[in-house]
Amino acid sequence: MSIPTPSATSTATPSSPPSPTAPRNQGKYQIRFDWGVDGAAAITPGAHILVWVDALTTALAPDPLLVPHTGAVVLGTVGNATALAEWIMQRQVELGERATIAVVAAGSDDGHFAVEDLLAAGAVISALSDSGIDFVSPEAAAAIGAFAGLRNATGHVLSASVTGQQIITAHGKDFVTAARAANSQPDVVVLREFSLPS
């Protein structure tokens, strides 16, 4: 993982995205990381692939296809992180240049921090780094660090976190049990296909 020294969560409609040269875009990095729809709008300009991470998806969750982004959109989980990294590596070969990836943690439905999404995003970014795509932003590196410290607790966190407890209260334990099973699946879910620039 190489982290160069830097130079000098919401379901609402995202604000105007920054240009690829704006600091919040993290445009100098191959892997970027941010939160929610607004964060996605900030880091997707110039990115080839959006990886949307939502470990506890409810009916109120935002639709990642509504993010103003024309590249591929895929779902990332702890379970599919390795397969997803392989899929992205294949797309990079097709592209013939470095693929830029925007990893976005959905956050809770009310726009707050969701630790389960941070860990799942960290799993995805860690797998990408292990595969050789390791030019990561400091924000992405922090997600890797969180996952490294709690990699054996990702399943437990789904029910122990604030979001998990809220969902258990509202929908029962079966909802979280189903989410845990879904998060362990290795399949890569592509919401919008990758296409080469014209």
Protein backbone atom coordinates (compact mmCIF):
# COMPACT_ATOMS: atom_id res chain seq x y z
CA MET A 1 0.00 0.00 0.00
CA SER A 2 1.52 3.32 -0.99
CA ILE A 3 0.28 6.53 0.56
CA PRO A 4 2.02 9.59 -0.87
CA THR A 5 2.39 12.61 1.37
CA PRO A 6 -0.53 14.91 0.56
CA SER A 7 0.06 18.45 -0.63
CA ALA A 8 -1.04 21.45 0.71
CA THR A 9 -23.93 10.84 4.90
CA SER A 10 -27.13 11.61 3.54
CA THR A 11 -30.00 10.33 1.41
CA ALA A 12 -30.71 13.77 0.01
CA THR A 13 -29.92 14.86 -3.52
CA PRO A 14 -26.16 15.39 -3.68
CA SER A 15 -24.74 18.87 -3.98
CA SER A 16 -22.84 19.91 -7.07
CA PRO A 17 -19.86 17.58 -7.44
CA PRO A 18 -16.36 19.03 -7.23
CA SER A 19 -14.05 18.99 -10.20
CA PRO A 20 -11.50 16.17 -10.43
CA THR A 21 -8.89 18.66 -9.23
CA ALA A 22 -10.75 19.64 -6.03
CA PRO A 23 -9.20 18.26 -2.82
CA ARG A 24 -12.38 16.45 -1.76
CA ASN A 25 -12.37 14.53 -5.04
CA GLN A 26 -9.15 12.76 -3.94
CA GLY A 27 -8.33 12.86 -7.64
CA LYS A 28 -4.61 12.12 -7.32
CA TYR A 29 -5.34 8.66 -5.89
CA GLN A 30 -6.34 5.43 -7.61
CA ILE A 31 -8.58 4.37 -4.72
CA ARG A 32 -10.76 6.99 -3.05
CA PHE A 33 -13.12 6.69 -0.08
CA ASP A 34 -16.04 8.74 1.23
CA TRP A 35 -19.49 8.46 2.81
CA GLY A 36 -23.06 8.58 1.49
CA VAL A 37 -24.56 10.11 -1.62
CA ASP A 38 -22.81 13.45 -1.16
CA GLY A 39 -19.49 11.69 -0.67
CA ALA A 40 -20.10 9.61 -3.78
CA ALA A 41 -20.82 12.74 -5.78
CA ALA A 42 -17.54 14.18 -4.52
CA ILE A 43 -15.23 11.28 -5.41
CA THR A 44 -16.80 9.73 -8.51
CA PRO A 45 -15.82 12.46 -11.03
CA GLY A 46 -12.94 10.94 -12.94
CA ALA A 47 -13.48 7.45 -11.47
CA HIS A 48 -14.10 4.41 -13.68
CA ILE A 49 -15.87 2.32 -11.03
CA LEU A 50 -18.11 3.11 -8.06
CA VAL A 51 -18.13 0.46 -5.33
CA TRP A 52 -21.16 0.99 -3.09
CA VAL A 53 -20.95 -0.58 0.38
CA ASP A 54 -24.10 -0.97 2.49
CA ALA A 55 -23.86 -3.83 4.96
CA LEU A 56 -27.37 -3.33 6.39
CA THR A 57 -29.54 -2.22 3.48
CA THR A 58 -33.10 -1.18 4.29
CA ALA A 59 -35.98 0.07 2.18
CA LEU A 60 -34.93 3.63 3.02
CA ALA A 61 -31.38 3.20 1.72
CA PRO A 62 -30.30 5.43 -1.18
CA ASP A 63 -30.01 3.98 -4.66
CA PRO A 64 -26.37 4.13 -5.81
CA LEU A 65 -27.56 4.30 -9.41
CA LEU A 66 -28.85 7.80 -8.66
CA VAL A 67 -25.31 9.03 -7.99
CA PRO A 68 -24.26 11.30 -10.89
CA HIS A 69 -21.70 8.87 -12.28
CA THR A 70 -21.50 7.28 -15.72
CA GLY A 71 -19.03 4.49 -14.93
CA ALA A 72 -19.61 1.00 -13.59
CA VAL A 73 -21.48 0.56 -10.30
CA VAL A 74 -20.94 -2.56 -8.19
CA LEU A 75 -21.82 -3.64 -4.66
CA GLY A 76 -19.02 -4.34 -2.20
CA THR A 77 -19.18 -6.58 0.88
CA VAL A 78 -16.81 -8.36 3.23
CA GLY A 79 -17.69 -11.63 1.51
CA ASN A 80 -17.13 -10.55 -2.08
CA ALA A 81 -14.06 -8.35 -1.49
CA THR A 82 -11.58 -10.77 -3.05
CA ALA A 83 -13.79 -11.61 -6.04
CA LEU A 84 -14.55 -7.92 -6.52
CA ALA A 85 -10.86 -7.05 -6.54
CA GLU A 86 -10.32 -9.70 -9.23
CA TRP A 87 -13.25 -8.28 -11.23
CA ILE A 88 -11.79 -4.78 -11.03
CA MET A 89 -8.34 -6.02 -12.04
CA GLN A 90 -9.91 -7.57 -15.15
CA ARG A 91 -11.61 -4.27 -15.97
CA GLN A 92 -8.26 -2.51 -15.56
CA VAL A 93 -6.71 -4.88 -18.09
CA GLU A 94 -9.54 -4.10 -20.52
CA LEU A 95 -9.04 -0.40 -19.91
CA GLY A 96 -5.33 -0.59 -20.69
CA GLU A 97 -4.48 1.92 -17.97
CA ARG A 98 -4.91 2.36 -14.24
CA ALA A 99 -8.53 2.06 -13.21
CA THR A 100 -9.72 4.59 -10.66
CA ILE A 101 -12.10 3.30 -8.00
CA ALA A 102 -14.44 5.28 -5.76
CA VAL A 103 -15.41 3.24 -2.70
CA VAL A 104 -18.40 4.67 -0.87
CA ALA A 105 -19.77 3.57 2.50
CA ALA A 106 -23.51 4.19 2.50
CA GLY A 107 -23.80 5.06 6.19
CA SER A 108 -27.02 4.75 8.17
CA ASP A 109 -30.39 5.69 6.73
CA ASP A 110 -30.42 8.87 8.83
CA GLY A 111 -27.03 9.94 7.47
CA HIS A 112 -24.92 8.94 10.44
CA PHE A 113 -21.68 6.98 10.70
CA ALA A 114 -22.13 3.20 10.36
CA VAL A 115 -19.21 1.13 11.61
CA GLU A 116 -20.36 -1.96 9.71
CA ASP A 117 -20.05 -0.06 6.41
CA LEU A 118 -16.60 1.25 7.38
CA LEU A 119 -15.34 -2.30 7.99
CA ALA A 120 -16.87 -3.67 4.78
CA ALA A 121 -15.38 -0.80 2.78
CA GLY A 122 -12.05 -1.48 4.45
CA ALA A 123 -12.29 -5.12 3.40
CA VAL A 124 -12.85 -4.11 -0.22
CA ILE A 125 -10.03 -1.57 -0.23
CA SER A 126 -7.70 -4.03 1.50
CA ALA A 127 -8.42 -6.68 -1.16
CA LEU A 128 -7.77 -4.14 -3.91
CA SER A 129 -4.50 -3.15 -2.27
CA ASP A 130 -3.47 -6.82 -1.98
CA SER A 131 -4.20 -7.27 -5.69
CA GLY A 132 -1.79 -4.48 -6.60
CA ILE A 133 -4.12 -1.48 -6.80
CA ASP A 134 -2.53 0.26 -3.85
CA PHE A 135 -2.29 3.98 -4.62
CA VAL A 136 -4.84 4.84 -1.94
CA SER A 137 -6.01 8.10 -0.42
CA PRO A 138 -5.45 8.64 3.31
CA GLU A 139 -9.21 8.22 3.78
CA ALA A 140 -9.10 4.84 2.06
CA ALA A 141 -6.03 3.85 4.09
CA ALA A 142 -7.92 4.63 7.31
CA ALA A 143 -10.69 2.24 6.24
CA ILE A 144 -8.08 -0.47 5.67
CA GLY A 145 -6.74 0.14 9.17
CA ALA A 146 -10.20 -0.17 10.70
CA PHE A 147 -10.79 -3.46 8.91
CA ALA A 148 -7.38 -4.82 9.86
CA GLY A 149 -8.12 -4.20 13.53
CA LEU A 150 -11.61 -5.71 13.50
CA ARG A 151 -11.54 -8.23 10.64
CA ASN A 152 -12.64 -11.04 12.96
CA ALA A 153 -15.59 -9.04 14.27
CA THR A 154 -17.30 -7.96 11.05
CA GLY A 155 -20.18 -10.41 11.52
CA HIS A 156 -20.68 -9.51 15.19
CA VAL A 157 -20.65 -5.79 14.42
CA LEU A 158 -23.75 -6.18 12.21
CA SER A 159 -25.88 -6.85 15.28
CA ALA A 160 -23.84 -5.00 17.93
CA SER A 161 -23.54 -1.65 16.12
CA VAL A 162 -25.91 1.26 16.58
CA THR A 163 -27.41 0.62 13.14
CA GLY A 164 -27.77 -3.07 13.86
CA GLN A 165 -29.52 -2.44 17.18
CA GLN A 166 -31.87 0.07 15.55
CA ILE A 167 -32.77 -2.44 12.85
CA ILE A 168 -33.29 -5.23 15.38
CA THR A 169 -35.65 -2.98 17.32
CA ALA A 170 -37.57 -2.01 14.18
CA HIS A 171 -37.49 -5.24 12.18
CA GLY A 172 -36.29 -8.06 14.44
CA LYS A 173 -33.15 -10.19 14.57
CA ASP A 174 -34.03 -12.09 11.39
CA PHE A 175 -33.29 -8.98 9.32
CA VAL A 176 -29.72 -8.83 10.60
CA THR A 177 -29.30 -12.59 10.27
CA ALA A 178 -30.29 -12.33 6.61
CA ALA A 179 -27.92 -9.39 6.12
CA ARG A 180 -25.07 -11.38 7.68
CA ALA A 181 -25.71 -14.22 5.24
CA ALA A 182 -25.88 -11.83 2.28
CA ASN A 183 -22.65 -10.12 3.31
CA SER A 184 -20.81 -13.44 3.34
CA GLN A 185 -21.67 -14.28 -0.28
CA PRO A 186 -18.74 -14.11 -2.75
CA ASP A 187 -20.78 -13.05 -5.78
CA VAL A 188 -20.01 -9.75 -7.50
CA VAL A 189 -23.23 -7.81 -8.03
CA VAL A 190 -22.96 -5.39 -10.96
CA LEU A 191 -25.63 -2.69 -11.02
CA ARG A 192 -24.19 -0.94 -14.06
CA GLU A 193 -21.78 -2.63 -16.42
CA PHE A 194 -18.28 -1.41 -17.07
CA SER A 195 -17.73 0.06 -20.54
CA LEU A 196 -14.62 1.31 -22.22
CA PRO A 197 -14.47 5.06 -22.88
CA SER A 198 -15.50 5.91 -26.44
